[in-house]
């Protein structure tokens, strides 16, 4: 099951545009240099929560009347937020596209990160390359427990005015193949087909357990069959009226490492 990739649009030079330094404003220059998946370092984003809910209680919001909806600011321990906005919307002027859509970068236990990186994840968290992402500063680094690794978490999505790009710290991450996987992941999240409630409640949990058991077997009992499993980068599950379909993506780099890719012909064995 594949969703539409969100990496299909790019800004292109205008034919006949003079060479040299373009006469862009500072904000336009920043927008043209940013891409989907880049990280922005800024203070916090806001969400609306109901008074008395767990997030409101943790924040100590006790002034509002019971049942009121209140605004809550949230900040990530890492200080980073990943840009979800597509490249073609990034470069648009603020009159047409005034905001960027972002999601926080959180740190999860390494075992969780390993499972996500092995394709056993979900459409809520994306594992960022370990060496590509560090907290924005020492103060943020001190908040992160040992043995944790970075992920983009789209359970919390917010909007940031594009003018913030003039003031915040920025970096390119993920890069290379990880960036392409991130763009595909975002597209799949918002373009995937929905499941019936029964599929969510009964079928998918059983499928997840079976996939987790298979992955565990591949890591503890290496043989011909588990080498194939080690070549898988992503798992796709589709629920129909009568069947549960499980499909996999075979990754060439992982297959070479596992010894399941024939180098001469480029075919999987």
Protein backbone atom coordinates (compact mmCIF):
# COMPACT_ATOMS: atom_id res chain seq x y z
CA UNK A 1 0.00 0.00 0.00
CA UNK A 2 1.62 3.23 -1.12
CA UNK A 3 0.57 6.79 -0.53
CA UNK A 4 1.31 9.78 -2.69
CA UNK A 5 4.79 11.19 -2.19
CA UNK A 6 4.88 14.77 -1.00
CA UNK A 7 8.26 15.42 -2.65
CA UNK A 8 6.88 16.09 -6.12
CA UNK A 9 7.25 19.86 -6.27
CA UNK A 10 10.38 21.96 -6.43
CA UNK A 11 11.08 25.61 -7.09
CA UNK A 12 12.73 26.11 -10.49
CA UNK A 13 14.73 29.05 -11.83
CA UNK A 14 12.79 31.45 -14.02
CA UNK A 15 14.02 31.43 -17.66
CA UNK A 16 15.93 34.60 -18.43
CA UNK A 17 16.51 35.45 -14.77
CA UNK A 18 19.80 37.33 -14.38
CA UNK A 19 22.75 35.35 -13.06
CA UNK A 20 24.37 36.28 -9.78
CA UNK A 21 22.75 37.12 -6.48
CA UNK A 22 18.92 37.28 -6.85
CA UNK A 23 17.17 40.41 -5.62
CA UNK A 24 15.17 38.52 -3.00
CA UNK A 25 14.21 39.86 0.39
CA UNK A 26 15.90 38.19 3.38
CA UNK A 27 12.70 36.21 4.07
CA UNK A 28 12.36 35.11 0.45
CA UNK A 29 15.96 33.94 0.51
CA UNK A 30 15.33 31.89 3.65
CA UNK A 31 12.19 30.35 2.18
CA UNK A 32 14.00 29.36 -1.02
CA UNK A 33 16.78 27.69 0.97
CA UNK A 34 14.47 25.56 3.12
CA UNK A 35 13.01 22.16 2.24
CA UNK A 36 10.48 19.74 3.64
CA UNK A 37 12.08 17.81 6.50
CA UNK A 38 14.39 20.62 7.60
CA UNK A 39 14.55 21.38 11.31
CA UNK A 40 13.74 24.71 12.96
CA UNK A 41 14.79 25.58 16.50
CA UNK A 42 12.35 27.81 18.35
CA UNK A 43 10.55 28.08 21.66
CA UNK A 44 7.15 26.48 21.51
CA UNK A 45 3.92 25.85 19.62
CA UNK A 46 0.37 26.12 20.91
CA UNK A 47 -2.49 23.64 21.18
CA UNK A 48 -6.01 23.94 22.54
CA UNK A 49 -6.88 21.58 25.41
CA UNK A 50 -9.86 21.11 27.71
CA UNK A 51 -9.49 22.28 31.28
CA UNK A 52 -9.08 19.22 33.47
CA UNK A 53 -7.40 17.12 30.76
CA UNK A 54 -4.06 15.48 31.46
CA UNK A 55 -2.01 18.05 29.44
CA UNK A 56 -3.74 20.94 31.23
CA UNK A 57 -3.13 19.38 34.65
CA UNK A 58 0.56 18.78 33.89
CA UNK A 59 0.86 22.44 32.85
CA UNK A 60 -0.80 23.59 36.07
CA UNK A 61 -3.67 25.38 34.34
CA UNK A 62 -6.08 25.72 37.25
CA UNK A 63 -7.59 29.16 36.66
CA UNK A 64 -10.10 28.25 33.95
CA UNK A 65 -13.54 26.97 34.76
CA UNK A 66 -14.10 23.20 34.43
CA UNK A 67 -14.83 22.29 30.84
CA UNK A 68 -13.32 25.46 29.36
CA UNK A 69 -11.01 25.12 26.38
CA UNK A 70 -7.67 26.79 27.06
CA UNK A 71 -4.55 27.48 25.02
CA UNK A 72 -1.42 25.58 26.01
CA UNK A 73 2.15 26.16 24.83
CA UNK A 74 4.31 23.06 24.37
CA UNK A 75 8.07 22.83 23.85
CA UNK A 76 10.15 19.85 22.81
CA UNK A 77 13.10 18.68 24.88
CA UNK A 78 15.27 18.77 21.74
CA UNK A 79 14.32 22.31 20.74
CA UNK A 80 13.76 21.18 17.13
CA UNK A 81 10.62 21.10 14.99
CA UNK A 82 10.51 19.40 11.58
CA UNK A 83 8.95 21.17 8.59
CA UNK A 84 6.06 19.19 7.11
CA UNK A 85 5.13 21.78 4.47
CA UNK A 86 5.92 20.77 0.89
CA UNK A 87 8.76 22.50 -0.94
CA UNK A 88 6.45 24.25 -3.42
CA UNK A 89 4.41 25.78 -0.59
CA UNK A 90 7.54 26.76 1.31
CA UNK A 91 8.63 29.17 -1.42
CA UNK A 92 5.22 30.81 -1.85
CA UNK A 93 4.83 34.36 -0.56
CA UNK A 94 3.32 34.94 2.86
CA UNK A 95 0.16 36.40 1.30
CA UNK A 96 -0.62 33.02 -0.28
CA UNK A 97 0.94 30.69 2.31
CA UNK A 98 1.51 32.61 5.57
CA UNK A 99 2.50 29.64 7.73
CA UNK A 100 4.63 26.52 7.85
CA UNK A 101 3.29 23.25 9.25
CA UNK A 102 5.69 21.70 11.75
CA UNK A 103 5.91 18.72 14.11
CA UNK A 104 8.15 18.36 17.18
CA UNK A 105 11.32 16.27 17.33
CA UNK A 106 11.13 14.04 20.40
CA UNK A 107 13.54 11.50 21.85
CA UNK A 108 12.33 7.93 22.44
CA UNK A 109 14.04 4.87 23.96
CA UNK A 110 16.60 3.35 21.63
CA UNK A 111 14.64 0.07 21.41
CA UNK A 112 11.65 2.02 20.07
CA UNK A 113 13.88 3.89 17.62
CA UNK A 114 15.42 0.60 16.41
CA UNK A 115 11.96 -0.84 15.75
CA UNK A 116 10.92 2.28 13.83
CA UNK A 117 14.13 2.21 11.82
CA UNK A 118 13.57 -1.44 10.95
CA UNK A 119 10.21 -0.62 9.38
CA UNK A 120 8.21 -1.84 12.35
CA UNK A 121 6.92 1.60 13.15
CA UNK A 122 3.71 3.50 12.68
CA UNK A 123 2.51 6.59 10.86
CA UNK A 124 3.02 8.80 13.91
CA UNK A 125 6.79 8.72 14.41
CA UNK A 126 9.67 8.89 11.94
CA UNK A 127 13.20 7.89 13.09
CA UNK A 128 15.77 10.58 12.29
CA UNK A 129 19.37 9.57 11.54
CA UNK A 130 21.28 9.40 14.81
CA UNK A 131 24.33 11.33 13.69
CA UNK A 132 22.33 14.03 11.89
CA UNK A 133 20.39 15.40 14.85
CA UNK A 134 21.63 16.84 18.12
CA UNK A 135 19.66 19.00 20.58
CA UNK A 136 19.79 22.71 19.82
CA UNK A 137 21.99 23.49 22.84
CA UNK A 138 23.36 22.10 26.12
CA UNK A 139 20.28 23.17 28.07
CA UNK A 140 18.04 21.08 25.80
CA UNK A 141 20.53 18.19 25.77
CA UNK A 142 20.31 18.00 29.57
CA UNK A 143 16.60 17.23 29.31
CA UNK A 144 17.08 14.10 27.22
CA UNK A 145 17.59 10.77 29.05
CA UNK A 146 20.52 8.56 28.15
CA UNK A 147 19.85 5.84 25.60
CA UNK A 148 17.23 7.86 23.68
CA UNK A 149 17.15 8.70 19.96
CA UNK A 150 15.34 11.34 17.86
CA UNK A 151 12.04 10.98 16.01
CA UNK A 152 9.58 13.34 14.33
CA UNK A 153 6.28 12.96 16.17
CA UNK A 154 3.21 14.05 14.18
CA UNK A 155 0.77 13.44 17.02
CA UNK A 156 1.34 17.16 17.70
CA UNK A 157 1.23 19.37 14.60
CA UNK A 158 1.37 23.16 14.71
CA UNK A 159 1.65 26.20 12.47
CA UNK A 160 4.49 28.73 12.52
CA UNK A 161 4.48 32.06 10.69
CA UNK A 162 7.04 32.12 7.89
CA UNK A 163 8.53 35.33 9.27
CA UNK A 164 9.90 33.23 12.15
CA UNK A 165 12.51 31.90 9.73
CA UNK A 166 14.35 35.21 10.04
CA UNK A 167 15.06 34.62 13.72
CA UNK A 168 15.27 30.88 14.43
CA UNK A 169 18.08 28.38 14.19
CA UNK A 170 17.80 26.10 11.17
CA UNK A 171 19.46 23.02 9.74
CA UNK A 172 19.04 20.46 6.97
CA UNK A 173 18.00 17.11 8.42
CA UNK A 174 17.27 14.48 7.42
CA UNK A 175 19.45 14.36 4.33
CA UNK A 176 20.02 11.98 1.41
CA UNK A 177 17.98 8.79 1.40
CA UNK A 178 16.56 9.57 4.84
CA UNK A 179 15.07 12.79 3.45
CA UNK A 180 13.38 10.92 0.60
CA UNK A 181 11.98 8.37 3.05
CA UNK A 182 10.69 11.19 5.23
CA UNK A 183 8.90 12.82 2.29
CA UNK A 184 7.30 9.51 1.32
CA UNK A 185 6.32 8.87 4.93
CA UNK A 186 4.56 12.23 5.20
CA UNK A 187 2.69 11.58 1.96
CA UNK A 188 1.64 8.11 3.07
CA UNK A 189 0.41 9.38 6.41
CA UNK A 190 -2.06 11.83 4.92
CA UNK A 191 -2.96 9.92 1.74
CA UNK A 192 -3.38 6.41 3.14
CA UNK A 193 -6.76 4.72 3.11
CA UNK A 194 -8.63 4.45 6.39
CA UNK A 195 -9.53 1.22 8.17
CA UNK A 196 -12.86 0.23 9.66
CA UNK A 197 -13.08 0.31 13.47
CA UNK A 198 -13.00 -3.50 13.63
CA UNK A 199 -9.75 -3.47 11.69
CA UNK A 200 -8.18 -1.05 14.17
CA UNK A 201 -9.47 -2.85 17.24
CA UNK A 202 -9.01 -6.52 16.31
CA UNK A 203 -7.01 -7.12 13.14
CA UNK A 204 -4.19 -4.58 13.28
CA UNK A 205 -3.10 -5.36 16.87
CA UNK A 206 -2.79 -9.05 15.95
CA UNK A 207 -0.87 -8.16 12.80
CA UNK A 208 1.49 -5.92 14.80
CA UNK A 209 2.21 -8.73 17.26
CA UNK A 210 2.97 -11.15 14.42
CA UNK A 211 5.30 -8.63 12.75
CA UNK A 212 7.06 -7.87 16.03
CA UNK A 213 7.59 -11.59 16.66
CA UNK A 214 8.96 -12.02 13.15
CA UNK A 215 11.38 -9.14 13.59
CA UNK A 216 12.56 -10.51 16.95
CA UNK A 217 13.19 -13.91 15.35
CA UNK A 218 15.19 -12.29 12.56
CA UNK A 219 17.52 -10.66 15.08
CA UNK A 220 18.04 -13.74 17.29
CA UNK A 221 18.02 -16.65 14.79
CA UNK A 222 19.86 -15.63 11.60
CA UNK A 223 19.20 -18.07 8.76
CA UNK A 224 18.15 -17.96 5.10
CA UNK A 225 14.61 -16.87 5.89
CA UNK A 226 15.53 -14.23 8.44
CA UNK A 227 18.12 -12.76 6.05
CA UNK A 228 15.23 -11.85 3.80
CA UNK A 229 13.48 -10.20 6.74
CA UNK A 230 16.65 -8.22 7.47
CA UNK A 231 16.39 -6.85 3.92
CA UNK A 232 13.00 -5.25 4.61
CA UNK A 233 12.88 -1.50 5.26
CA UNK A 234 9.10 -1.04 5.54
CA UNK A 235 5.99 -3.12 6.19
CA UNK A 236 2.59 -2.27 4.71
CA UNK A 237 -0.68 -3.66 6.07
CA UNK A 238 -4.01 -3.37 4.30
CA UNK A 239 -7.35 -4.57 5.67
CA UNK A 240 -10.04 -5.54 3.18
CA UNK A 241 -13.52 -6.95 3.76
CA UNK A 242 -12.17 -10.50 3.84
CA UNK A 243 -8.38 -10.42 4.03
CA UNK A 244 -5.40 -8.91 5.79
CA UNK A 245 -2.65 -8.17 3.26
CA UNK A 246 0.94 -7.67 4.42
CA UNK A 247 3.46 -6.30 1.94
CA UNK A 248 7.11 -5.34 2.36
CA UNK A 249 9.64 -3.02 0.78
CA UNK A 250 13.00 -4.65 0.08
CA UNK A 251 15.81 -2.15 0.55
CA UNK A 252 18.97 -2.68 -1.59
CA UNK A 253 21.38 -1.38 1.08
CA UNK A 254 19.96 -3.65 3.75
CA UNK A 255 19.86 -6.56 1.32
CA UNK A 256 23.56 -6.15 0.51
CA UNK A 257 24.37 -6.13 4.22
CA UNK A 258 22.24 -9.25 4.75
CA UNK A 259 23.71 -11.05 1.71
CA UNK A 260 20.42 -11.46 -0.14
CA UNK A 261 21.23 -9.22 -3.13
CA UNK A 262 23.09 -10.71 -6.07
CA UNK A 263 25.61 -8.03 -6.97
CA UNK A 264 26.16 -9.24 -10.53
CA UNK A 265 22.54 -9.05 -11.61
CA UNK A 266 21.17 -6.70 -8.95
CA UNK A 267 18.46 -9.24 -8.11
CA UNK A 268 17.24 -10.52 -4.76
CA UNK A 269 17.93 -14.16 -3.99
